[in-house]
Amino acid sequence: MTGYRHGAARIGLLMLDAGFARLPGDIGHPDTFAFPVTCRVVRGADPSRVVEGGGAGLLDAFVAEGRALARDGVDGIATSCGFLVAMQRELAAALPVPVATSALLLWGSIQATLPPGRRVGVLTFSAGALTARHLAAAGIPPDAPVEGFGDDSLFRAVYGDRGGVSDPAALEREAVAAALRLVGRHGDVAAILCECTNLPPHAAAIRAATGLPVHDAVGYVEAFARSLAPPRFGP
């Protein structure tokens, strides 16, 4: 009989400056991860400025908070918004610990699991705001299938921090509907990659509705943390 002992990586989480309620399973919910997470809010980095505004003028603030997390002793740093992939190279260069800004960075490894002629589809908070710059930063081709939430959706109202009242069942219906649009419009999609860190609470429902593998930020950060403190196997 062999034993298994979990590692104990400590992850730092750079959080957007937002006040919406987070569901269990959301990257920023305190009960989502089984390992220590230290959060720091990047003041002024509200969802609109990061998503629609492209994060203009915010790099120095993210670097400053990332360095503060490193001083606090974290082993690696993640973020609460997949659109921050646009800063991946700069943050990785500026910070003294590994950085995983976005689940979009998983695209290449997921694509490698699929047969010829099948593609990874991206489910995002806003398809219009996910530009070629974001895709290129993650190594995603510009013609990748992408689907998002409408500007008038509850999902955008809540997680865009525009005063929408969270309704978990309604949010899940919208998430499933967006995933079904993605696979309906792109018949070659064989796996779904969720850009938005608010989507993991709905991953099981998306999987059930589409029958496809669903990859998200929580799974990415869990694997990231495991790499920083691998479990020990032994007697």
Protein backbone atom coordinates (compact mmCIF):
# COMPACT_ATOMS: atom_id res chain seq x y z
CA MET A 1 0.00 0.00 0.00
CA THR A 2 1.32 3.43 -0.91
CA GLY A 3 0.37 6.78 0.51
CA TYR A 4 -0.48 10.07 -1.18
CA ARG A 5 0.21 13.48 0.28
CA HIS A 6 -1.10 16.65 -1.32
CA GLY A 7 1.27 19.49 -2.04
CA ALA A 8 0.63 22.87 -0.49
CA ALA A 9 1.28 25.48 -3.14
CA ARG A 10 0.14 28.97 -2.27
CA ILE A 11 -1.41 30.81 -5.21
CA GLY A 12 -1.73 34.57 -5.49
CA LEU A 13 -4.78 35.86 -7.32
CA LEU A 14 -4.80 39.29 -8.97
CA MET A 15 -8.44 40.36 -8.76
CA LEU A 16 -10.36 42.89 -10.82
CA ASP A 17 -11.83 45.83 -8.93
CA ALA A 18 -15.42 44.55 -8.90
CA GLY A 19 -18.16 44.09 -6.33
CA PHE A 20 -20.39 41.38 -7.81
CA ALA A 21 -21.26 38.22 -5.88
CA ARG A 22 -19.23 35.16 -6.84
CA LEU A 23 -20.79 31.69 -6.99
CA PRO A 24 -19.10 28.61 -5.51
CA GLY A 25 -16.70 27.38 -8.17
CA ASP A 26 -15.92 30.90 -9.39
CA ILE A 27 -12.18 31.56 -9.36
CA GLY A 28 -12.64 34.26 -6.71
CA HIS A 29 -14.96 32.36 -4.38
CA PRO A 30 -13.19 31.52 -1.09
CA ASP A 31 -14.30 27.87 -1.13
CA THR A 32 -13.32 27.03 -4.71
CA PHE A 33 -9.77 25.80 -4.15
CA ALA A 34 -8.41 23.19 -1.75
CA PHE A 35 -5.09 25.04 -1.39
CA PRO A 36 -4.21 28.45 0.05
CA VAL A 37 -5.10 31.45 -2.13
CA THR A 38 -4.11 35.03 -1.39
CA CYS A 39 -6.07 37.71 -3.24
CA ARG A 40 -5.12 41.29 -4.03
CA VAL A 41 -7.51 43.67 -5.77
CA VAL A 42 -5.98 45.85 -8.48
CA ARG A 43 -7.67 49.18 -7.83
CA GLY A 44 -9.07 50.84 -10.92
CA ALA A 45 -9.06 47.60 -12.90
CA ASP A 46 -12.83 47.33 -13.24
CA PRO A 47 -14.33 44.83 -15.72
CA SER A 48 -15.16 47.47 -18.32
CA ARG A 49 -11.66 48.91 -18.31
CA VAL A 50 -10.05 45.48 -18.61
CA VAL A 51 -12.46 43.93 -21.11
CA GLU A 52 -13.78 46.71 -23.35
CA GLY A 53 -10.88 49.04 -22.60
CA GLY A 54 -8.19 46.45 -23.23
CA GLY A 55 -6.53 47.09 -19.87
CA ALA A 56 -4.98 50.32 -21.13
CA GLY A 57 -2.82 52.01 -18.52
CA LEU A 58 -3.15 49.20 -15.98
CA LEU A 59 0.02 47.17 -16.46
CA ASP A 60 2.00 49.00 -13.78
CA ALA A 61 -0.79 48.47 -11.25
CA PHE A 62 -0.91 44.74 -11.99
CA VAL A 63 2.87 44.49 -11.70
CA ALA A 64 2.82 46.33 -8.37
CA GLU A 65 0.16 44.06 -6.88
CA GLY A 66 1.88 40.99 -8.32
CA ARG A 67 5.13 41.97 -6.65
CA ALA A 68 3.26 42.46 -3.39
CA LEU A 69 1.87 38.93 -3.70
CA ALA A 70 5.37 37.60 -4.32
CA ARG A 71 6.60 39.39 -1.20
CA ASP A 72 3.75 37.72 0.67
CA GLY A 73 5.28 34.38 -0.28
CA VAL A 74 3.02 33.00 -3.01
CA ASP A 75 4.46 30.31 -5.28
CA GLY A 76 2.63 31.42 -8.42
CA ILE A 77 0.17 34.06 -9.60
CA ALA A 78 -3.12 33.75 -11.49
CA THR A 79 -5.79 36.33 -12.29
CA SER A 80 -9.55 36.71 -12.10
CA CYS A 81 -10.05 37.65 -15.77
CA GLY A 82 -9.09 35.74 -18.89
CA PHE A 83 -8.72 38.96 -20.89
CA LEU A 84 -5.54 39.61 -18.91
CA VAL A 85 -3.82 37.17 -21.26
CA ALA A 86 -2.95 40.37 -23.13
CA MET A 87 -0.49 41.10 -20.27
CA GLN A 88 0.89 37.56 -19.97
CA ARG A 89 4.29 38.25 -21.47
CA GLU A 90 4.82 41.49 -19.55
CA LEU A 91 3.68 40.09 -16.20
CA ALA A 92 5.74 36.93 -16.58
CA ALA A 93 8.79 39.08 -17.33
CA ALA A 94 8.20 41.49 -14.44
CA LEU A 95 7.26 39.12 -11.61
CA PRO A 96 9.60 36.77 -9.71
CA VAL A 97 7.20 33.80 -9.63
CA PRO A 98 5.40 31.94 -12.46
CA VAL A 99 2.31 33.66 -13.87
CA ALA A 100 -0.82 32.09 -15.39
CA THR A 101 -3.07 34.93 -16.49
CA SER A 102 -5.74 33.06 -18.43
CA ALA A 103 -7.22 29.68 -19.29
CA LEU A 104 -6.80 30.76 -22.93
CA LEU A 105 -3.17 29.67 -22.55
CA LEU A 106 -4.48 26.08 -22.55
CA TRP A 107 -5.61 26.29 -26.16
CA GLY A 108 -2.61 24.55 -27.75
CA SER A 109 -2.58 21.61 -25.37
CA ILE A 110 -6.33 21.06 -25.80
CA GLN A 111 -6.12 21.32 -29.58
CA ALA A 112 -3.43 18.63 -29.54
CA THR A 113 -5.92 16.18 -27.99
CA LEU A 114 -8.36 16.49 -30.90
CA PRO A 115 -8.42 14.57 -34.20
CA PRO A 116 -7.66 16.31 -37.50
CA GLY A 117 -10.45 18.57 -38.66
CA ARG A 118 -11.78 19.29 -35.16
CA ARG A 119 -11.18 22.50 -33.23
CA VAL A 120 -11.31 24.05 -29.78
CA GLY A 121 -14.14 26.54 -29.39
CA VAL A 122 -13.74 29.51 -27.06
CA LEU A 123 -16.59 30.59 -24.79
CA THR A 124 -15.98 34.15 -23.62
CA PHE A 125 -17.56 36.95 -21.63
CA SER A 126 -17.58 39.16 -24.73
CA ALA A 127 -16.84 37.91 -28.23
CA GLY A 128 -16.58 41.46 -29.53
CA ALA A 129 -13.94 42.44 -26.99
CA LEU A 130 -11.83 39.30 -27.46
CA THR A 131 -9.54 40.67 -30.14
CA ALA A 132 -6.78 39.26 -32.31
CA ARG A 133 -4.36 40.71 -29.74
CA HIS A 134 -5.79 38.49 -26.99
CA LEU A 135 -5.85 35.42 -29.22
CA ALA A 136 -2.28 35.96 -30.40
CA ALA A 137 -1.06 36.35 -26.81
CA ALA A 138 -2.44 32.87 -26.11
CA GLY A 139 -1.21 31.31 -29.35
CA ILE A 140 -4.75 30.96 -30.70
CA PRO A 141 -5.33 31.38 -34.45
CA PRO A 142 -7.42 34.40 -35.45
CA ASP A 143 -10.10 32.23 -37.05
CA ALA A 144 -10.76 30.16 -33.92
CA PRO A 145 -14.46 29.63 -33.14
CA VAL A 146 -15.54 32.15 -30.49
CA GLU A 147 -18.92 32.72 -28.84
CA GLY A 148 -19.87 35.13 -26.08
CA PHE A 149 -22.74 36.66 -24.15
CA GLY A 150 -24.94 39.42 -25.53
CA ASP A 151 -24.56 42.92 -24.15
CA ASP A 152 -28.12 42.70 -22.80
CA SER A 153 -27.52 39.37 -21.03
CA LEU A 154 -27.76 38.92 -17.28
CA PHE A 155 -24.28 37.41 -17.38
CA ARG A 156 -22.79 40.63 -18.72
CA ALA A 157 -24.88 42.76 -16.34
CA VAL A 158 -23.72 40.81 -13.29
CA TYR A 159 -20.09 40.07 -14.14
CA GLY A 160 -19.57 43.35 -15.93
CA ASP A 161 -20.36 44.86 -12.52
CA ARG A 162 -23.22 46.88 -14.00
CA GLY A 163 -25.61 46.29 -11.12
CA GLY A 164 -27.21 43.07 -12.33
CA VAL A 165 -28.73 40.91 -9.59
CA SER A 166 -27.20 37.45 -9.54
CA ASP A 167 -29.61 34.60 -10.31
CA PRO A 168 -27.58 31.36 -10.47
CA ALA A 169 -30.21 29.41 -12.42
CA ALA A 170 -30.65 32.18 -14.99
CA LEU A 171 -26.88 32.62 -15.32
CA GLU A 172 -26.52 28.89 -15.95
CA ARG A 173 -29.22 28.94 -18.61
CA GLU A 174 -27.39 31.74 -20.40
CA ALA A 175 -24.06 29.91 -20.14
CA VAL A 176 -25.54 26.72 -21.60
CA ALA A 177 -27.28 28.68 -24.36
CA ALA A 178 -24.00 30.38 -25.30
CA ALA A 179 -22.22 27.02 -25.43
CA LEU A 180 -24.96 25.58 -27.63
CA ARG A 181 -24.66 28.56 -29.97
CA LEU A 182 -20.92 27.93 -30.17
CA VAL A 183 -21.28 24.30 -31.22
CA GLY A 184 -24.33 25.04 -33.38
CA ARG A 185 -22.49 27.66 -35.41
CA HIS A 186 -19.25 25.69 -35.64
CA GLY A 187 -19.86 22.01 -36.31
CA ASP A 188 -16.17 21.17 -36.02
CA VAL A 189 -15.90 22.20 -32.35
CA ALA A 190 -14.90 19.18 -30.28
CA ALA A 191 -13.87 20.84 -27.01
CA ILE A 192 -14.87 24.03 -25.22
CA LEU A 193 -12.40 26.41 -23.57
CA CYS A 194 -13.96 28.92 -21.17
CA GLU A 195 -12.13 32.24 -21.14
CA CYS A 196 -14.29 33.76 -18.42
CA THR A 197 -13.36 32.92 -14.83
CA ASN A 198 -17.04 33.22 -13.83
CA LEU A 199 -17.97 30.24 -16.02
CA PRO A 200 -16.54 27.32 -13.98
CA PRO A 201 -19.68 27.06 -11.78
CA HIS A 202 -21.56 26.20 -14.99
CA ALA A 203 -19.00 23.85 -16.56
CA ALA A 204 -20.87 20.68 -15.55
CA ALA A 205 -24.09 21.98 -17.11
CA ILE A 206 -22.23 22.94 -20.30
CA ARG A 207 -20.68 19.48 -20.47
CA ALA A 208 -24.08 17.84 -19.98
CA ALA A 209 -25.72 19.99 -22.66
CA THR A 210 -23.00 19.66 -25.31
CA GLY A 211 -21.38 16.32 -24.55
CA LEU A 212 -17.98 17.95 -25.08
CA PRO A 213 -14.95 18.33 -22.81
CA VAL A 214 -15.07 21.66 -20.97
CA HIS A 215 -11.86 23.37 -19.86
CA ASP A 216 -11.82 26.39 -17.56
CA ALA A 217 -9.73 28.65 -15.35
CA VAL A 218 -10.31 26.70 -12.14
CA GLY A 219 -8.99 23.50 -13.69
CA TYR A 220 -6.05 25.44 -15.10
CA VAL A 221 -5.15 26.99 -11.75
CA GLU A 222 -5.48 23.63 -10.01
CA ALA A 223 -2.97 22.12 -12.44
CA PHE A 224 -0.77 25.21 -12.09
CA ALA A 225 -0.76 24.85 -8.31
CA ARG A 226 0.02 21.14 -8.56
CA SER A 227 3.06 21.92 -10.70
CA LEU A 228 4.36 24.23 -7.97
CA ALA A 229 3.91 21.68 -5.18
CA PRO A 230 3.62 18.20 -6.68
CA PRO A 231 2.13 15.52 -4.44
CA ARG A 232 4.42 12.94 -2.92
CA PHE A 233 3.72 9.25 -3.40
CA GLY A 234 5.29 6.70 -1.14
CA PRO A 235 4.95 4.37 1.81
